[in-house]
N, C-alpha and C. Protein backbone atom coordinates (compact mmCIF):
# COMPACT_ATOMS: atom_id res chain seq x y z
N MET A 1 9.37 -6.86 12.33
CA MET A 1 9.67 -6.56 10.94
C MET A 1 9.48 -5.05 10.73
N ASP A 2 10.41 -4.41 10.05
CA ASP A 2 10.29 -2.97 9.80
C ASP A 2 9.30 -2.70 8.67
N ASN A 3 8.91 -1.44 8.54
CA ASN A 3 7.88 -1.07 7.56
C ASN A 3 8.31 -1.32 6.12
N VAL A 4 9.57 -1.11 5.81
CA VAL A 4 10.05 -1.35 4.45
C VAL A 4 9.94 -2.83 4.10
N SER A 5 10.36 -3.68 5.01
CA SER A 5 10.27 -5.12 4.77
C SER A 5 8.83 -5.57 4.61
N LYS A 6 7.93 -5.00 5.43
CA LYS A 6 6.51 -5.33 5.32
C LYS A 6 5.97 -4.93 3.95
N ALA A 7 6.30 -3.72 3.52
CA ALA A 7 5.82 -3.24 2.22
C ALA A 7 6.31 -4.13 1.09
N VAL A 8 7.57 -4.51 1.13
CA VAL A 8 8.13 -5.39 0.10
C VAL A 8 7.42 -6.73 0.11
N GLN A 9 7.18 -7.28 1.30
CA GLN A 9 6.50 -8.57 1.41
C GLN A 9 5.08 -8.49 0.85
N TYR A 10 4.34 -7.44 1.17
CA TYR A 10 2.99 -7.28 0.64
C TYR A 10 3.02 -7.19 -0.89
N TYR A 11 3.95 -6.41 -1.42
CA TYR A 11 4.06 -6.26 -2.87
C TYR A 11 4.38 -7.59 -3.55
N GLU A 12 5.29 -8.32 -2.95
CA GLU A 12 5.66 -9.63 -3.51
C GLU A 12 4.51 -10.63 -3.42
N ASN A 13 3.56 -10.38 -2.53
CA ASN A 13 2.39 -11.25 -2.38
C ASN A 13 1.23 -10.81 -3.26
N GLY A 14 1.46 -9.85 -4.15
CA GLY A 14 0.46 -9.50 -5.14
C GLY A 14 -0.31 -8.22 -4.93
N TYR A 15 -0.04 -7.50 -3.85
CA TYR A 15 -0.71 -6.22 -3.66
C TYR A 15 -0.06 -5.14 -4.52
N MET A 16 -0.84 -4.13 -4.89
CA MET A 16 -0.28 -3.00 -5.66
C MET A 16 0.63 -2.19 -4.74
N CYS A 17 1.53 -1.42 -5.34
CA CYS A 17 2.50 -0.66 -4.53
C CYS A 17 1.79 0.29 -3.56
N SER A 18 0.70 0.92 -4.00
CA SER A 18 -0.01 1.84 -3.12
C SER A 18 -0.59 1.11 -1.91
N GLN A 19 -1.09 -0.09 -2.12
CA GLN A 19 -1.62 -0.87 -1.01
C GLN A 19 -0.51 -1.35 -0.09
N ALA A 20 0.57 -1.81 -0.66
CA ALA A 20 1.67 -2.36 0.12
C ALA A 20 2.28 -1.31 1.04
N VAL A 21 2.52 -0.12 0.52
CA VAL A 21 3.13 0.93 1.32
C VAL A 21 2.17 1.41 2.40
N PHE A 22 0.92 1.66 2.03
CA PHE A 22 -0.05 2.15 3.00
C PHE A 22 -0.28 1.14 4.12
N ALA A 23 -0.42 -0.14 3.77
CA ALA A 23 -0.66 -1.17 4.77
C ALA A 23 0.52 -1.33 5.72
N ALA A 24 1.72 -1.15 5.22
CA ALA A 24 2.90 -1.26 6.07
C ALA A 24 2.90 -0.20 7.17
N PHE A 25 2.29 0.94 6.91
CA PHE A 25 2.23 2.03 7.88
C PHE A 25 0.86 2.17 8.54
N ALA A 26 -0.03 1.21 8.32
CA ALA A 26 -1.42 1.30 8.80
C ALA A 26 -1.51 1.57 10.30
N GLU A 27 -0.74 0.85 11.08
CA GLU A 27 -0.80 1.00 12.53
C GLU A 27 -0.47 2.44 12.95
N GLU A 28 0.48 3.05 12.28
CA GLU A 28 0.86 4.42 12.61
C GLU A 28 -0.24 5.43 12.27
N PHE A 29 -1.13 5.05 11.34
CA PHE A 29 -2.26 5.91 10.98
C PHE A 29 -3.51 5.58 11.77
N GLY A 30 -3.44 4.55 12.63
CA GLY A 30 -4.56 4.19 13.47
C GLY A 30 -5.66 3.43 12.75
N ILE A 31 -5.29 2.71 11.69
CA ILE A 31 -6.26 1.89 10.96
C ILE A 31 -5.73 0.47 10.85
N THR A 32 -6.60 -0.44 10.45
CA THR A 32 -6.16 -1.83 10.28
C THR A 32 -5.50 -2.00 8.91
N GLU A 33 -4.75 -3.07 8.78
CA GLU A 33 -4.14 -3.37 7.49
C GLU A 33 -5.22 -3.62 6.43
N LYS A 34 -6.31 -4.28 6.83
CA LYS A 34 -7.40 -4.54 5.90
C LYS A 34 -7.95 -3.22 5.36
N GLN A 35 -8.15 -2.25 6.23
CA GLN A 35 -8.65 -0.95 5.79
C GLN A 35 -7.65 -0.28 4.85
N ALA A 36 -6.37 -0.39 5.16
CA ALA A 36 -5.34 0.21 4.32
C ALA A 36 -5.31 -0.42 2.93
N PHE A 37 -5.48 -1.75 2.87
CA PHE A 37 -5.52 -2.42 1.57
C PHE A 37 -6.71 -1.93 0.75
N GLN A 38 -7.85 -1.75 1.41
CA GLN A 38 -9.05 -1.29 0.71
C GLN A 38 -8.89 0.15 0.22
N ILE A 39 -8.38 1.02 1.06
CA ILE A 39 -8.18 2.42 0.67
C ILE A 39 -7.11 2.53 -0.41
N GLY A 40 -6.01 1.82 -0.24
CA GLY A 40 -4.90 1.87 -1.19
C GLY A 40 -5.24 1.35 -2.57
N ALA A 41 -6.28 0.52 -2.67
CA ALA A 41 -6.66 -0.05 -3.96
C ALA A 41 -7.10 1.03 -4.95
N CYS A 42 -7.55 2.16 -4.45
CA CYS A 42 -8.02 3.26 -5.30
C CYS A 42 -6.88 3.98 -6.02
N PHE A 43 -5.66 3.76 -5.57
CA PHE A 43 -4.53 4.51 -6.11
C PHE A 43 -3.57 3.67 -6.95
N GLY A 44 -3.99 2.49 -7.32
CA GLY A 44 -3.15 1.63 -8.15
C GLY A 44 -3.02 2.17 -9.56
N GLY A 45 -1.98 1.78 -10.23
CA GLY A 45 -1.79 2.18 -11.63
C GLY A 45 -1.44 3.65 -11.80
N GLY A 46 -0.84 4.25 -10.80
CA GLY A 46 -0.45 5.65 -10.93
C GLY A 46 -1.65 6.58 -10.99
N MET A 47 -2.67 6.25 -10.27
CA MET A 47 -3.89 7.05 -10.20
C MET A 47 -4.47 7.28 -11.59
N CYS A 48 -4.43 6.23 -12.41
CA CYS A 48 -5.01 6.19 -13.76
C CYS A 48 -4.31 7.09 -14.78
N LYS A 49 -3.24 7.68 -14.44
CA LYS A 49 -2.54 8.54 -15.39
C LYS A 49 -1.18 7.94 -15.77
N GLY A 50 -0.63 7.11 -14.91
CA GLY A 50 0.66 6.52 -15.19
C GLY A 50 1.82 7.47 -14.99
N GLU A 51 1.52 8.68 -14.53
CA GLU A 51 2.58 9.68 -14.33
C GLU A 51 2.86 9.95 -12.87
N VAL A 52 1.88 9.66 -12.02
CA VAL A 52 2.00 9.93 -10.60
C VAL A 52 1.90 8.60 -9.85
N CYS A 53 2.85 8.32 -9.03
CA CYS A 53 2.84 7.07 -8.27
C CYS A 53 1.72 7.12 -7.25
N GLY A 54 0.93 6.05 -7.21
CA GLY A 54 -0.16 5.97 -6.24
C GLY A 54 0.32 5.83 -4.81
N ALA A 55 1.52 5.28 -4.64
CA ALA A 55 2.05 5.12 -3.28
C ALA A 55 2.43 6.47 -2.72
């Protein structure tokens, strides 16, 4: 499965966009998907401003 499809699948399963995108590329960054979900959780909601995408 390509990274775009993975990100879409994660998003459709309830993860925030920042988590979905980061987790899809986790292997390329040398971290686990679980770690990416945890790190990406901090950037949900446009980094609390609604003007900047957390992804």
